[in-house]
Amino acid sequence: MRSVRRPAALAVAGGIAAAATLLPAVPALAHGAPTSPISRTAACAAGGERTGVTACRAALAANNRPFGSFDNLRVPDVGGKDRQFIPDGNLCSGGLPEYRGLDLPRTDWPSTKVTAGTTLDVSYAGTIPHQGSFRLYLTRKGYTPTKALTWADLGEPLAEIKDPPLRGGAYRMSVKLPKDRSGRHVLYTVWQTSSTPDTYYSCSDLVVKAAAVAAAPAKKPAPKASRSAEPGAVAVPLDAQSPAAAAAPPAEHQSWLSPAAAQADDRVELGHQIVIAALVVITGVSAGAGIMRLRASRAQAHQFGPPRR
């Protein structure tokens, strides 16, 4: 009996193997999720790293069913039409019931601390690697984490990276963070594979520290101006004047003199004017006397006639 069963078993096994060779090849499914900065799927979904934290337990309760695998949040046949296929409020779950708890608006999701304006390194686990492009978005300035995430909260992608290198089981890439962000934000990652029809979605929560503000350079003190207040005068720093110039101001700047010096100078000028007036008077008197003597001699000559010869 045993000898019969054994050949029969071998024949069945051989038939299965032969049939398997006739079946068409089934394409492998790409799987993955961001692990740094940690995503909500990598933290809370089945096989996640932090399933016991409060936010993950609340997400599981809101799910009303067990989570799907952390690396399997994928939607087929999107073809780049993300906004048409993924509704507002369901961006983190991709609209899939197995992950709906990940859409809860909370401020205690497992997060990664970063600094605005710096380069963020991203590690995306590729449990089943495939080629494709990654689009990375960051929520806008003023984003409110207590409201469900919408497409309006995202601007243009910070980066679009095609076929990044796979090292150590993860795709490695980097993105420059804007300088004008602070507080809680979401890095939203879209992985559109090119060797399968699937697109993967994930939310990574960030706590962004504001960028450091550079200190303004110290202002140099302005040079001391000269004492000239005349319109159109060019100010010259006092420390640039020679000692002689500083001790003896020019005549046109007599307003610099002290009151006592100014009075003495006025007295000297008055004396000069008195002397000049006296000279004028003396000169005038002498000239008048000469004229009178000339007139007298002429009158005398007229009276007595011409002198006799």
Protein backbone atom coordinates (compact mmCIF):
# COMPACT_ATOMS: atom_id res chain seq x y z
CA MET A 1 0.00 0.00 0.00
CA ARG A 2 2.77 2.28 0.84
CA SER A 3 4.54 1.43 -2.37
CA VAL A 4 1.44 2.53 -4.29
CA ARG A 5 0.88 5.73 -2.46
CA ARG A 6 4.46 6.83 -2.86
CA PRO A 7 4.56 6.67 -6.66
CA ALA A 8 1.15 8.28 -6.76
CA ALA A 9 2.33 11.09 -4.55
CA LEU A 10 5.38 11.60 -6.72
CA ALA A 11 3.22 11.69 -9.82
CA VAL A 12 0.93 14.33 -8.28
CA ALA A 13 3.89 16.46 -7.23
CA GLY A 14 5.40 16.21 -10.67
CA GLY A 15 2.10 17.20 -12.25
CA ILE A 16 1.84 20.28 -10.02
CA ALA A 17 5.38 21.34 -10.87
CA ALA A 18 4.70 20.88 -14.56
CA ALA A 19 1.49 22.87 -14.33
CA ALA A 20 3.29 25.66 -12.50
CA THR A 21 5.68 26.06 -15.37
CA LEU A 22 2.72 26.69 -17.69
CA LEU A 23 1.23 29.52 -15.55
CA PRO A 24 1.97 33.14 -16.51
CA ALA A 25 4.48 34.99 -14.32
CA VAL A 26 2.87 37.13 -11.59
CA PRO A 27 4.57 40.52 -11.13
CA ALA A 28 5.95 41.19 -7.68
CA LEU A 29 4.21 43.98 -5.78
CA ALA A 30 6.31 46.95 -4.64
CA HIS A 31 6.06 47.72 -0.94
CA GLY A 32 7.53 50.44 1.25
CA ALA A 33 7.09 53.35 3.64
CA PRO A 34 9.21 56.17 5.10
CA THR A 35 11.01 55.19 8.28
CA SER A 36 13.06 58.40 8.66
CA PRO A 37 11.46 60.78 9.26
CA ILE A 38 9.11 58.18 10.65
CA SER A 39 5.70 57.99 8.94
CA ARG A 40 2.37 57.24 10.58
CA THR A 41 2.23 53.89 8.81
CA ALA A 42 5.74 52.92 9.96
CA ALA A 43 4.82 53.94 13.51
CA CYS A 44 1.23 52.69 13.92
CA ALA A 45 0.21 50.16 11.24
CA ALA A 46 0.77 46.41 11.47
CA GLY A 47 4.48 45.78 12.02
CA GLY A 48 5.01 49.42 13.04
CA GLU A 49 7.62 50.62 15.49
CA ARG A 50 5.44 52.56 17.98
CA THR A 51 2.06 50.91 17.98
CA GLY A 52 1.73 51.35 21.75
CA VAL A 53 1.78 55.18 21.86
CA THR A 54 -1.43 57.11 22.50
CA ALA A 55 -1.88 58.41 18.97
CA CYS A 56 -1.44 54.94 17.45
CA ARG A 57 -3.94 53.38 19.84
CA ALA A 58 -6.45 56.11 19.01
CA ALA A 59 -5.87 55.52 15.30
CA LEU A 60 -6.47 51.79 15.69
CA ALA A 61 -9.71 52.46 17.58
CA ALA A 62 -10.88 54.85 14.83
CA ASN A 63 -10.05 52.20 12.24
CA ASN A 64 -12.78 49.83 13.45
CA ARG A 65 -10.64 46.98 12.08
CA PRO A 66 -7.02 45.83 12.25
CA PHE A 67 -4.47 47.93 10.42
CA GLY A 68 -3.02 46.76 7.14
CA SER A 69 0.73 46.18 6.86
CA PHE A 70 2.85 49.30 7.41
CA ASP A 71 4.45 48.96 3.93
CA ASN A 72 1.31 48.28 1.93
CA LEU A 73 -0.60 51.58 1.84
CA ARG A 74 -1.00 51.64 -1.93
CA VAL A 75 -3.67 52.64 -4.45
CA PRO A 76 -3.65 51.12 -7.95
CA ASP A 77 -4.09 52.86 -11.30
CA VAL A 78 -3.76 56.44 -10.07
CA GLY A 79 -1.32 57.36 -12.83
CA GLY A 80 -0.29 60.69 -11.33
CA LYS A 81 -3.86 61.93 -10.78
CA ASP A 82 -3.45 62.02 -7.01
CA ARG A 83 -5.85 64.88 -6.31
CA GLN A 84 -8.62 63.16 -8.25
CA PHE A 85 -8.20 59.79 -6.55
CA ILE A 86 -7.33 60.81 -2.96
CA PRO A 87 -10.01 63.01 -1.34
CA ASP A 88 -9.29 65.85 1.11
CA GLY A 89 -9.13 64.62 4.68
CA ASN A 90 -7.93 61.17 3.55
CA LEU A 91 -4.41 61.98 2.36
CA CYS A 92 -2.63 59.99 5.08
CA SER A 93 -4.79 56.89 4.58
CA GLY A 94 -4.93 57.12 0.80
CA GLY A 95 -8.70 56.68 1.25
CA LEU A 96 -8.20 53.02 2.25
CA PRO A 97 -10.42 51.67 5.09
CA GLU A 98 -7.52 49.63 6.53
CA TYR A 99 -5.69 52.88 7.33
CA ARG A 100 -8.45 55.43 7.97
CA GLY A 101 -7.28 56.01 11.56
CA LEU A 102 -4.12 57.65 10.23
CA ASP A 103 -6.19 60.65 9.10
CA LEU A 104 -7.02 61.76 12.66
CA PRO A 105 -6.05 65.44 13.21
CA ARG A 106 -3.81 65.24 16.29
CA THR A 107 -0.77 67.01 17.70
CA ASP A 108 0.82 63.94 19.32
CA TRP A 109 1.68 61.75 16.34
CA PRO A 110 5.18 60.24 16.54
CA SER A 111 7.36 62.97 15.02
CA THR A 112 10.87 63.96 14.02
CA LYS A 113 12.57 67.19 15.09
CA VAL A 114 14.11 69.24 12.29
CA THR A 115 15.33 72.81 11.70
CA ALA A 116 13.93 75.12 9.04
CA GLY A 117 16.27 75.92 6.18
CA THR A 118 18.35 72.76 6.59
CA THR A 119 18.63 69.64 4.43
CA LEU A 120 16.48 66.71 5.54
CA ASP A 121 17.67 63.18 4.79
CA VAL A 122 14.87 60.77 3.93
CA SER A 123 15.03 56.99 4.25
CA TYR A 124 12.17 55.11 2.55
CA ALA A 125 12.09 51.39 3.30
CA GLY A 126 11.77 49.32 0.13
CA THR A 127 10.63 45.94 1.35
CA ILE A 128 9.92 44.93 -2.25
CA PRO A 129 12.03 47.28 -4.41
CA HIS A 130 10.81 48.72 -7.68
CA GLN A 131 11.60 51.68 -9.85
CA GLY A 132 9.59 54.87 -9.65
CA SER A 133 9.48 58.55 -8.73
CA PHE A 134 9.07 60.18 -5.32
CA ARG A 135 7.27 63.48 -4.82
CA LEU A 136 7.85 65.17 -1.47
CA TYR A 137 5.57 67.94 -0.17
CA LEU A 138 5.62 70.02 3.01
CA THR A 139 2.57 71.68 4.54
CA ARG A 140 2.32 75.41 3.97
CA LYS A 141 3.20 78.15 6.45
CA GLY A 142 0.31 78.50 8.89
CA TYR A 143 -0.73 74.83 8.68
CA THR A 144 -3.04 73.78 11.52
CA PRO A 145 -2.42 70.18 12.73
CA THR A 146 -5.77 70.07 14.55
CA LYS A 147 -7.57 70.03 11.17
CA ALA A 148 -7.67 67.17 8.68
CA LEU A 149 -4.95 67.40 6.02
CA THR A 150 -6.13 68.63 2.61
CA TRP A 151 -4.48 69.21 -0.75
CA ALA A 152 -4.80 72.96 -0.14
CA ASP A 153 -2.40 72.53 2.79
CA LEU A 154 0.30 71.44 0.35
CA GLY A 155 2.04 73.61 -2.22
CA GLU A 156 4.22 72.47 -5.08
CA PRO A 157 6.52 69.52 -4.33
CA LEU A 158 9.74 70.44 -2.55
CA ALA A 159 11.43 67.81 -4.71
CA GLU A 160 10.67 65.12 -7.28
CA ILE A 161 13.25 62.35 -7.29
CA LYS A 162 13.35 59.57 -9.87
CA ASP A 163 14.86 56.18 -9.04
CA PRO A 164 16.89 57.16 -5.97
CA PRO A 165 19.59 54.66 -4.88
CA LEU A 166 18.56 51.68 -2.77
CA ARG A 167 21.08 51.09 0.01
CA GLY A 168 20.63 48.90 3.05
CA GLY A 169 17.06 48.04 2.09
CA ALA A 170 15.95 51.68 1.81
CA TYR A 171 15.74 54.40 -0.81
CA ARG A 172 17.99 57.30 0.19
CA MET A 173 17.19 60.87 -0.78
CA SER A 174 17.32 64.40 0.66
CA VAL A 175 15.27 67.58 0.46
CA LYS A 176 15.90 71.21 1.46
CA LEU A 177 13.38 72.54 3.96
CA PRO A 178 12.03 76.10 3.57
CA LYS A 179 13.30 78.74 5.99
CA ASP A 180 9.85 80.12 6.86
CA ARG A 181 8.39 77.13 8.71
CA SER A 182 8.10 76.46 12.43
CA GLY A 183 5.99 74.28 14.70
CA ARG A 184 4.20 71.10 13.61
CA HIS A 185 4.15 70.21 9.91
CA VAL A 186 3.64 67.17 7.70
CA LEU A 187 6.05 65.83 5.09
CA TYR A 188 3.78 64.16 2.54
CA THR A 189 5.44 61.55 0.34
CA VAL A 190 4.01 60.09 -2.87
CA TRP A 191 5.79 57.11 -4.42
CA GLN A 192 4.52 56.42 -7.93
CA THR A 193 6.09 53.19 -9.14
CA SER A 194 6.89 52.77 -12.81
CA SER A 195 7.15 48.96 -12.84
CA THR A 196 3.73 48.44 -11.20
CA PRO A 197 0.43 50.37 -11.46
CA ASP A 198 0.57 51.28 -7.75
CA THR A 199 1.09 54.58 -5.94
CA TYR A 200 1.97 54.79 -2.24
CA TYR A 201 1.06 57.62 0.16
CA SER A 202 2.45 58.49 3.58
CA CYS A 203 2.48 61.24 6.20
CA SER A 204 5.58 61.95 8.30
CA ASP A 205 5.04 64.38 11.18
CA LEU A 206 7.74 67.00 11.82
CA VAL A 207 8.38 69.44 14.64
CA VAL A 208 10.19 72.29 12.92
CA LYS A 209 12.51 74.60 14.82
CA ALA A 210 12.62 78.11 13.40
CA ALA A 211 15.72 79.02 11.41
CA ALA A 212 18.36 81.02 13.29
CA VAL A 213 18.31 84.75 12.53
CA ALA A 214 21.72 86.23 11.71
CA ALA A 215 22.74 89.14 13.98
CA ALA A 216 22.93 92.53 12.27
CA PRO A 217 26.48 93.94 11.95
CA ALA A 218 27.41 96.62 14.50
CA LYS A 219 27.20 100.17 13.16
CA LYS A 220 30.40 102.25 13.18
CA PRO A 221 30.10 105.59 15.06
CA ALA A 222 29.82 108.60 12.78
CA PRO A 223 32.86 111.00 12.78
CA LYS A 224 32.52 114.20 14.82
CA ALA A 225 31.63 117.13 12.57
CA SER A 226 33.41 120.51 12.60
CA ARG A 227 31.80 123.48 14.32
CA SER A 228 31.05 125.29 11.06
CA ALA A 229 27.34 125.89 10.67
CA GLU A 230 27.48 127.97 7.49
CA PRO A 231 25.15 126.81 4.67
CA GLY A 232 27.03 124.79 2.11
CA ALA A 233 30.08 124.36 4.35
CA VAL A 234 31.78 120.98 4.25
CA ALA A 235 32.02 119.39 7.68
CA VAL A 236 35.54 118.30 8.57
CA PRO A 237 36.15 115.95 11.49
CA LEU A 238 37.81 117.78 14.36
CA ASP A 239 40.42 115.09 14.74
CA ALA A 240 41.45 115.68 11.11
CA GLN A 241 42.31 119.38 11.68
CA SER A 242 45.85 120.45 12.49
CA PRO A 243 46.52 121.88 16.00
CA ALA A 244 47.31 125.30 14.48
CA ALA A 245 44.05 125.38 12.56
CA ALA A 246 42.12 124.31 15.64
CA ALA A 247 43.85 127.02 17.80
CA ALA A 248 43.50 129.90 15.31
CA PRO A 249 40.16 129.84 13.43
CA PRO A 250 40.10 131.82 10.15
CA ALA A 251 38.74 135.38 9.96
CA GLU A 252 35.55 134.35 8.21
CA HIS A 253 34.70 132.19 11.22
CA GLN A 254 34.93 134.99 13.84
CA SER A 255 31.64 133.74 15.22
CA TRP A 256 33.67 131.02 16.84
CA LEU A 257 35.36 133.57 19.21
CA SER A 258 34.31 133.89 22.81
CA PRO A 259 32.22 136.97 23.82
CA ALA A 260 35.21 138.64 25.61
CA ALA A 261 37.49 138.16 22.61
CA ALA A 262 34.82 139.52 20.30
CA GLN A 263 34.41 142.70 22.43
CA ALA A 264 38.18 143.31 22.46
CA ASP A 265 38.28 142.93 18.72
CA ASP A 266 35.44 145.47 18.39
CA ARG A 267 37.37 148.03 20.50
CA VAL A 268 40.41 147.70 18.28
CA GLU A 269 38.32 148.25 15.19
CA LEU A 270 36.68 151.37 16.76
CA GLY A 271 40.13 152.84 17.54
CA HIS A 272 41.16 152.36 13.92
CA GLN A 273 38.07 154.25 12.76
CA ILE A 274 38.73 157.19 15.18
CA VAL A 275 42.33 157.57 13.98
CA ILE A 276 41.23 157.58 10.36
CA ALA A 277 38.57 160.23 11.09
CA ALA A 278 41.10 162.46 12.89
CA LEU A 279 43.50 162.26 9.97
CA VAL A 280 40.72 163.24 7.64
CA VAL A 281 39.84 166.25 9.82
CA ILE A 282 43.46 167.42 10.20
CA THR A 283 44.05 167.08 6.50
CA GLY A 284 40.92 169.03 5.76
CA VAL A 285 41.89 171.93 8.15
CA SER A 286 45.36 172.22 6.65
CA ALA A 287 43.96 172.36 3.16
CA GLY A 288 41.43 175.02 4.19
CA ALA A 289 44.13 177.27 5.71
CA GLY A 290 46.23 177.10 2.54
CA ILE A 291 43.30 178.11 0.40
CA MET A 292 42.58 181.13 2.67
CA ARG A 293 46.19 182.39 2.43
CA LEU A 294 46.10 182.08 -1.37
CA ARG A 295 42.89 184.11 -1.57
CA ALA A 296 44.32 186.86 0.70
CA SER A 297 47.46 187.32 -1.42
CA ARG A 298 45.40 187.60 -4.57
CA ALA A 299 43.17 190.27 -3.03
CA GLN A 300 46.15 192.33 -1.91
CA ALA A 301 47.70 192.21 -5.36
CA HIS A 302 44.50 193.43 -6.94
CA GLN A 303 44.25 196.40 -4.52
CA PHE A 304 47.71 197.86 -5.05
CA GLY A 305 48.08 196.99 -8.72
CA PRO A 306 50.91 195.34 -10.42
CA PRO A 307 54.34 195.89 -8.94
CA ARG A 308 56.47 198.70 -10.37
CA ARG A 309 59.37 197.96 -12.65
